[in-house]
Amino acid sequence: MEKRYIGIKELSQYLSVPEKTIRWWVWQRQLPYRKFGRLLRFDLYEIEKWSTESAVAILK
């Protein structure tokens, strides 16, 4: 079974951005997340969707 939910540290490695950036995006509500008690978890399927939807087209 594939892992579906990951934490901040894993997500920062997955997206190659600092953990501080992940926390900022969460605070700004720019990144999809779930709270389980006090824990923040990120659904890999939602992150992939968010990543493709928020991509900026490169103009030539």
PDB file of N, CA and C in Angstrom:
ATOM      1  N   MET A   1       0.838  -1.186   0.000  1.00  0.00           N
ATOM      2  CA  MET A   1       0.000   0.000   0.000  1.00  0.00           C
ATOM      3  C   MET A   1       0.885   1.252   0.000  1.00  0.00           C
ATOM      4  N   GLU A   2       0.574   2.169  -0.875  1.00  0.00           N
ATOM      5  CA  GLU A   2       1.354   3.389  -1.001  1.00  0.00           C
ATOM      6  C   GLU A   2       0.996   4.367   0.110  1.00  0.00           C
ATOM      7  N   LYS A   3       2.007   5.066   0.619  1.00  0.00           N
ATOM      8  CA  LYS A   3       1.795   6.055   1.670  1.00  0.00           C
ATOM      9  C   LYS A   3       1.052   7.247   1.076  1.00  0.00           C
ATOM     10  N   ARG A   4      -0.036   7.638   1.709  1.00  0.00           N
ATOM     11  CA  ARG A   4      -0.848   8.713   1.159  1.00  0.00           C
ATOM     12  C   ARG A   4      -0.636  10.040   1.882  1.00  0.00           C
ATOM     13  N   TYR A   5      -0.497  10.019   3.206  1.00  0.00           N
ATOM     14  CA  TYR A   5      -0.322  11.244   3.979  1.00  0.00           C
ATOM     15  C   TYR A   5       1.118  11.372   4.449  1.00  0.00           C
ATOM     16  N   ILE A   6       1.661  12.583   4.330  1.00  0.00           N
ATOM     17  CA  ILE A   6       3.019  12.831   4.788  1.00  0.00           C
ATOM     18  C   ILE A   6       3.039  14.075   5.669  1.00  0.00           C
ATOM     19  N   GLY A   7       4.117  14.231   6.421  1.00  0.00           N
ATOM     20  CA  GLY A   7       4.285  15.377   7.305  1.00  0.00           C
ATOM     21  C   GLY A   7       5.037  16.517   6.625  1.00  0.00           C
ATOM     22  N   ILE A   8       5.265  17.573   7.396  1.00  0.00           N
ATOM     23  CA  ILE A   8       5.928  18.770   6.869  1.00  0.00           C
ATOM     24  C   ILE A   8       7.343  18.461   6.388  1.00  0.00           C
ATOM     25  N   LYS A   9       8.097  17.723   7.180  1.00  0.00           N
ATOM     26  CA  LYS A   9       9.486  17.420   6.815  1.00  0.00           C
ATOM     27  C   LYS A   9       9.556  16.641   5.503  1.00  0.00           C
ATOM     28  N   GLU A  10       8.705  15.623   5.377  1.00  0.00           N
ATOM     29  CA  GLU A  10       8.691  14.824   4.152  1.00  0.00           C
ATOM     30  C   GLU A  10       8.243  15.654   2.953  1.00  0.00           C
ATOM     31  N   LEU A  11       7.242  16.519   3.169  1.00  0.00           N
ATOM     32  CA  LEU A  11       6.742  17.354   2.075  1.00  0.00           C
ATOM     33  C   LEU A  11       7.801  18.356   1.618  1.00  0.00           C
ATOM     34  N   SER A  12       8.543  18.915   2.558  1.00  0.00           N
ATOM     35  CA  SER A  12       9.590  19.863   2.171  1.00  0.00           C
ATOM     36  C   SER A  12      10.653  19.171   1.316  1.00  0.00           C
ATOM     37  N   GLN A  13      10.974  17.930   1.628  1.00  0.00           N
ATOM     38  CA  GLN A  13      11.923  17.169   0.811  1.00  0.00           C
ATOM     39  C   GLN A  13      11.305  16.826  -0.544  1.00  0.00           C
ATOM     40  N   TYR A  14      10.041  16.461  -0.546  1.00  0.00           N
ATOM     41  CA  TYR A  14       9.329  16.082  -1.770  1.00  0.00           C
ATOM     42  C   TYR A  14       9.263  17.255  -2.756  1.00  0.00           C
ATOM     43  N   LEU A  15       8.986  18.469  -2.226  1.00  0.00           N
ATOM     44  CA  LEU A  15       8.864  19.651  -3.078  1.00  0.00           C
ATOM     45  C   LEU A  15      10.176  20.422  -3.218  1.00  0.00           C
ATOM     46  N   SER A  16      11.196  20.013  -2.480  1.00  0.00           N
ATOM     47  CA  SER A  16      12.508  20.685  -2.483  1.00  0.00           C
ATOM     48  C   SER A  16      12.409  22.147  -2.068  1.00  0.00           C
ATOM     49  N   VAL A  17      11.655  22.391  -1.001  1.00  0.00           N
ATOM     50  CA  VAL A  17      11.548  23.731  -0.422  1.00  0.00           C
ATOM     51  C   VAL A  17      11.765  23.607   1.086  1.00  0.00           C
ATOM     52  N   PRO A  18      12.183  24.700   1.744  1.00  0.00           N
ATOM     53  CA  PRO A  18      12.387  24.641   3.194  1.00  0.00           C
ATOM     54  C   PRO A  18      11.079  24.398   3.956  1.00  0.00           C
ATOM     55  N   GLU A  19      11.190  23.793   5.138  1.00  0.00           N
ATOM     56  CA  GLU A  19      10.014  23.556   5.979  1.00  0.00           C
ATOM     57  C   GLU A  19       9.312  24.867   6.306  1.00  0.00           C
ATOM     58  N   LYS A  20      10.087  25.934   6.476  1.00  0.00           N
ATOM     59  CA  LYS A  20       9.516  27.248   6.776  1.00  0.00           C
ATOM     60  C   LYS A  20       8.559  27.696   5.665  1.00  0.00           C
ATOM     61  N   THR A  21       8.899  27.392   4.425  1.00  0.00           N
ATOM     62  CA  THR A  21       8.041  27.740   3.287  1.00  0.00           C
ATOM     63  C   THR A  21       6.729  26.961   3.344  1.00  0.00           C
ATOM     64  N   ILE A  22       6.807  25.681   3.692  1.00  0.00           N
ATOM     65  CA  ILE A  22       5.595  24.861   3.828  1.00  0.00           C
ATOM     66  C   ILE A  22       4.687  25.461   4.895  1.00  0.00           C
ATOM     67  N   ARG A  23       5.274  25.810   6.040  1.00  0.00           N
ATOM     68  CA  ARG A  23       4.487  26.407   7.131  1.00  0.00           C
ATOM     69  C   ARG A  23       3.862  27.732   6.697  1.00  0.00           C
ATOM     70  N   TRP A  24       4.588  28.541   5.933  1.00  0.00           N
ATOM     71  CA  TRP A  24       4.071  29.817   5.434  1.00  0.00           C
ATOM     72  C   TRP A  24       2.886  29.578   4.497  1.00  0.00           C
ATOM     73  N   TRP A  25       3.024  28.624   3.578  1.00  0.00           N
ATOM     74  CA  TRP A  25       1.928  28.312   2.656  1.00  0.00           C
ATOM     75  C   TRP A  25       0.699  27.833   3.415  1.00  0.00           C
ATOM     76  N   VAL A  26       0.900  27.033   4.464  1.00  0.00           N
ATOM     77  CA  VAL A  26      -0.226  26.565   5.280  1.00  0.00           C
ATOM     78  C   VAL A  26      -0.889  27.754   5.962  1.00  0.00           C
ATOM     79  N   TRP A  27      -0.081  28.629   6.554  1.00  0.00           N
ATOM     80  CA  TRP A  27      -0.608  29.797   7.256  1.00  0.00           C
ATOM     81  C   TRP A  27      -1.385  30.703   6.305  1.00  0.00           C
ATOM     82  N   GLN A  28      -0.917  30.806   5.063  1.00  0.00           N
ATOM     83  CA  GLN A  28      -1.583  31.613   4.042  1.00  0.00           C
ATOM     84  C   GLN A  28      -2.743  30.865   3.368  1.00  0.00           C
ATOM     85  N   ARG A  29      -2.925  29.594   3.747  1.00  0.00           N
ATOM     86  CA  ARG A  29      -3.953  28.717   3.175  1.00  0.00           C
ATOM     87  C   ARG A  29      -3.794  28.563   1.656  1.00  0.00           C
ATOM     88  N   GLN A  30      -2.546  28.474   1.219  1.00  0.00           N
ATOM     89  CA  GLN A  30      -2.242  28.289  -0.198  1.00  0.00           C
ATOM     90  C   GLN A  30      -2.019  26.826  -0.538  1.00  0.00           C
ATOM     91  N   LEU A  31      -1.855  26.001   0.481  1.00  0.00           N
ATOM     92  CA  LEU A  31      -1.485  24.602   0.299  1.00  0.00           C
ATOM     93  C   LEU A  31      -2.554  23.717   0.941  1.00  0.00           C
ATOM     94  N   PRO A  32      -3.036  22.686   0.244  1.00  0.00           N
ATOM     95  CA  PRO A  32      -4.045  21.804   0.847  1.00  0.00           C
ATOM     96  C   PRO A  32      -3.430  20.940   1.956  1.00  0.00           C
ATOM     97  N   TYR A  33      -4.099  20.897   3.102  1.00  0.00           N
ATOM     98  CA  TYR A  33      -3.608  20.101   4.226  1.00  0.00           C
ATOM     99  C   TYR A  33      -4.774  19.608   5.068  1.00  0.00           C
ATOM    100  N   ARG A  34      -4.474  18.688   5.966  1.00  0.00           N
ATOM    101  CA  ARG A  34      -5.455  18.165   6.911  1.00  0.00           C
ATOM    102  C   ARG A  34      -4.841  18.243   8.296  1.00  0.00           C
ATOM    103  N   LYS A  35      -5.690  18.452   9.293  1.00  0.00           N
ATOM    104  CA  LYS A  35      -5.229  18.448  10.675  1.00  0.00           C
ATOM    105  C   LYS A  35      -5.803  17.232  11.375  1.00  0.00           C
ATOM    106  N   PHE A  36      -4.939  16.486  12.007  1.00  0.00           N
ATOM    107  CA  PHE A  36      -5.326  15.355  12.843  1.00  0.00           C
ATOM    108  C   PHE A  36      -4.881  15.724  14.249  1.00  0.00           C
ATOM    109  N   GLY A  37      -5.815  16.279  15.025  1.00  0.00           N
ATOM    110  CA  GLY A  37      -5.421  16.820  16.324  1.00  0.00           C
ATOM    111  C   GLY A  37      -4.550  18.043  16.077  1.00  0.00           C
ATOM    112  N   ARG A  38      -3.312  17.985  16.576  1.00  0.00           N
ATOM    113  CA  ARG A  38      -2.373  19.087  16.366  1.00  0.00           C
ATOM    114  C   ARG A  38      -1.413  18.817  15.209  1.00  0.00           C
ATOM    115  N   LEU A  39      -1.541  17.669  14.580  1.00  0.00           N
ATOM    116  CA  LEU A  39      -0.627  17.289  13.505  1.00  0.00           C
ATOM    117  C   LEU A  39      -1.134  17.755  12.146  1.00  0.00           C
ATOM    118  N   LEU A  40      -0.242  18.315  11.358  1.00  0.00           N
ATOM    119  CA  LEU A  40      -0.561  18.671   9.975  1.00  0.00           C
ATOM    120  C   LEU A  40      -0.117  17.530   9.080  1.00  0.00           C
ATOM    121  N   ARG A  41      -0.997  17.125   8.195  1.00  0.00           N
ATOM    122  CA  ARG A  41      -0.671  16.070   7.238  1.00  0.00           C
ATOM    123  C   ARG A  41      -1.102  16.524   5.853  1.00  0.00           C
ATOM    124  N   PHE A  42      -0.370  16.046   4.868  1.00  0.00           N
ATOM    125  CA  PHE A  42      -0.591  16.451   3.492  1.00  0.00           C
ATOM    126  C   PHE A  42      -0.874  15.223   2.650  1.00  0.00           C
ATOM    127  N   ASP A  43      -1.975  15.266   1.925  1.00  0.00           N
ATOM    128  CA  ASP A  43      -2.387  14.175   1.046  1.00  0.00           C
ATOM    129  C   ASP A  43      -1.592  14.287  -0.257  1.00  0.00           C
ATOM    130  N   LEU A  44      -0.833  13.261  -0.580  1.00  0.00           N
ATOM    131  CA  LEU A  44       0.013  13.309  -1.778  1.00  0.00           C
ATOM    132  C   LEU A  44      -0.787  13.530  -3.055  1.00  0.00           C
ATOM    133  N   TYR A  45      -1.994  12.972  -3.122  1.00  0.00           N
ATOM    134  CA  TYR A  45      -2.831  13.163  -4.312  1.00  0.00           C
ATOM    135  C   TYR A  45      -3.231  14.632  -4.458  1.00  0.00           C
ATOM    136  N   GLU A  46      -3.612  15.266  -3.339  1.00  0.00           N
ATOM    137  CA  GLU A  46      -3.993  16.679  -3.370  1.00  0.00           C
ATOM    138  C   GLU A  46      -2.791  17.571  -3.666  1.00  0.00           C
ATOM    139  N   ILE A  47      -1.626  17.208  -3.147  1.00  0.00           N
ATOM    140  CA  ILE A  47      -0.415  17.988  -3.398  1.00  0.00           C
ATOM    141  C   ILE A  47      -0.043  17.928  -4.880  1.00  0.00           C
ATOM    142  N   GLU A  48      -0.147  16.753  -5.483  1.00  0.00           N
ATOM    143  CA  GLU A  48       0.136  16.620  -6.922  1.00  0.00           C
ATOM    144  C   GLU A  48      -0.828  17.481  -7.736  1.00  0.00           C
ATOM    145  N   LYS A  49      -2.095  17.441  -7.380  1.00  0.00           N
ATOM    146  CA  LYS A  49      -3.106  18.238  -8.080  1.00  0.00           C
ATOM    147  C   LYS A  49      -2.813  19.730  -7.908  1.00  0.00           C
ATOM    148  N   TRP A  50      -2.522  20.151  -6.677  1.00  0.00           N
ATOM    149  CA  TRP A  50      -2.192  21.545  -6.382  1.00  0.00           C
ATOM    150  C   TRP A  50      -0.968  21.990  -7.175  1.00  0.00           C
ATOM    151  N   SER A  51       0.025  21.125  -7.242  1.00  0.00           N
ATOM    152  CA  SER A  51       1.270  21.441  -7.935  1.00  0.00           C
ATOM    153  C   SER A  51       1.033  21.686  -9.424  1.00  0.00           C
ATOM    154  N   THR A  52       0.237  20.851 -10.051  1.00  0.00           N
ATOM    155  CA  THR A  52      -0.023  21.026 -11.486  1.00  0.00           C
ATOM    156  C   THR A  52      -0.941  22.219 -11.750  1.00  0.00           C
ATOM    157  N   GLU A  53      -1.895  22.466 -10.852  1.00  0.00           N
ATOM    158  CA  GLU A  53      -2.810  23.595 -11.038  1.00  0.00           C
ATOM    159  C   GLU A  53      -2.130  24.934 -10.798  1.00  0.00           C
ATOM    160  N   SER A  54      -1.139  24.972  -9.919  1.00  0.00           N
ATOM    161  CA  SER A  54      -0.490  26.242  -9.593  1.00  0.00           C
ATOM    162  C   SER A  54       0.779  26.478 -10.404  1.00  0.00           C
ATOM    163  N   ALA A  55       1.064  25.592 -11.348  1.00  0.00           N
ATOM    164  CA  ALA A  55       2.251  25.765 -12.194  1.00  0.00           C
ATOM    165  C   ALA A  55       2.051  26.967 -13.117  1.00  0.00           C
ATOM    166  N   VAL A  56       3.127  27.676 -13.338  1.00  0.00           N
ATOM    167  CA  VAL A  56       3.090  28.853 -14.200  1.00  0.00           C
ATOM    168  C   VAL A  56       3.626  28.459 -15.571  1.00  0.00           C
ATOM    169  N   ALA A  57       2.903  28.843 -16.598  1.00  0.00           N
ATOM    170  CA  ALA A  57       3.333  28.535 -17.968  1.00  0.00           C
ATOM    171  C   ALA A  57       4.558  29.370 -18.329  1.00  0.00           C
ATOM    172  N   ILE A  58       5.465  28.770 -19.046  1.00  0.00           N
ATOM    173  CA  ILE A  58       6.670  29.467 -19.493  1.00  0.00           C
ATOM    174  C   ILE A  58       6.397  30.047 -20.877  1.00  0.00           C
ATOM    175  N   LEU A  59       6.587  31.339 -20.983  1.00  0.00           N
ATOM    176  CA  LEU A  59       6.369  32.021 -22.264  1.00  0.00           C
ATOM    177  C   LEU A  59       7.695  32.186 -22.981  1.00  0.00           C
ATOM    178  N   LYS A  60       7.672  32.001 -24.286  1.00  0.00           N
ATOM    179  CA  LYS A  60       8.900  32.176 -25.081  1.00  0.00           C
ATOM    180  C   LYS A  60       8.859  33.479 -25.822  1.00  0.00           C
TER     181      LYS A  60
END
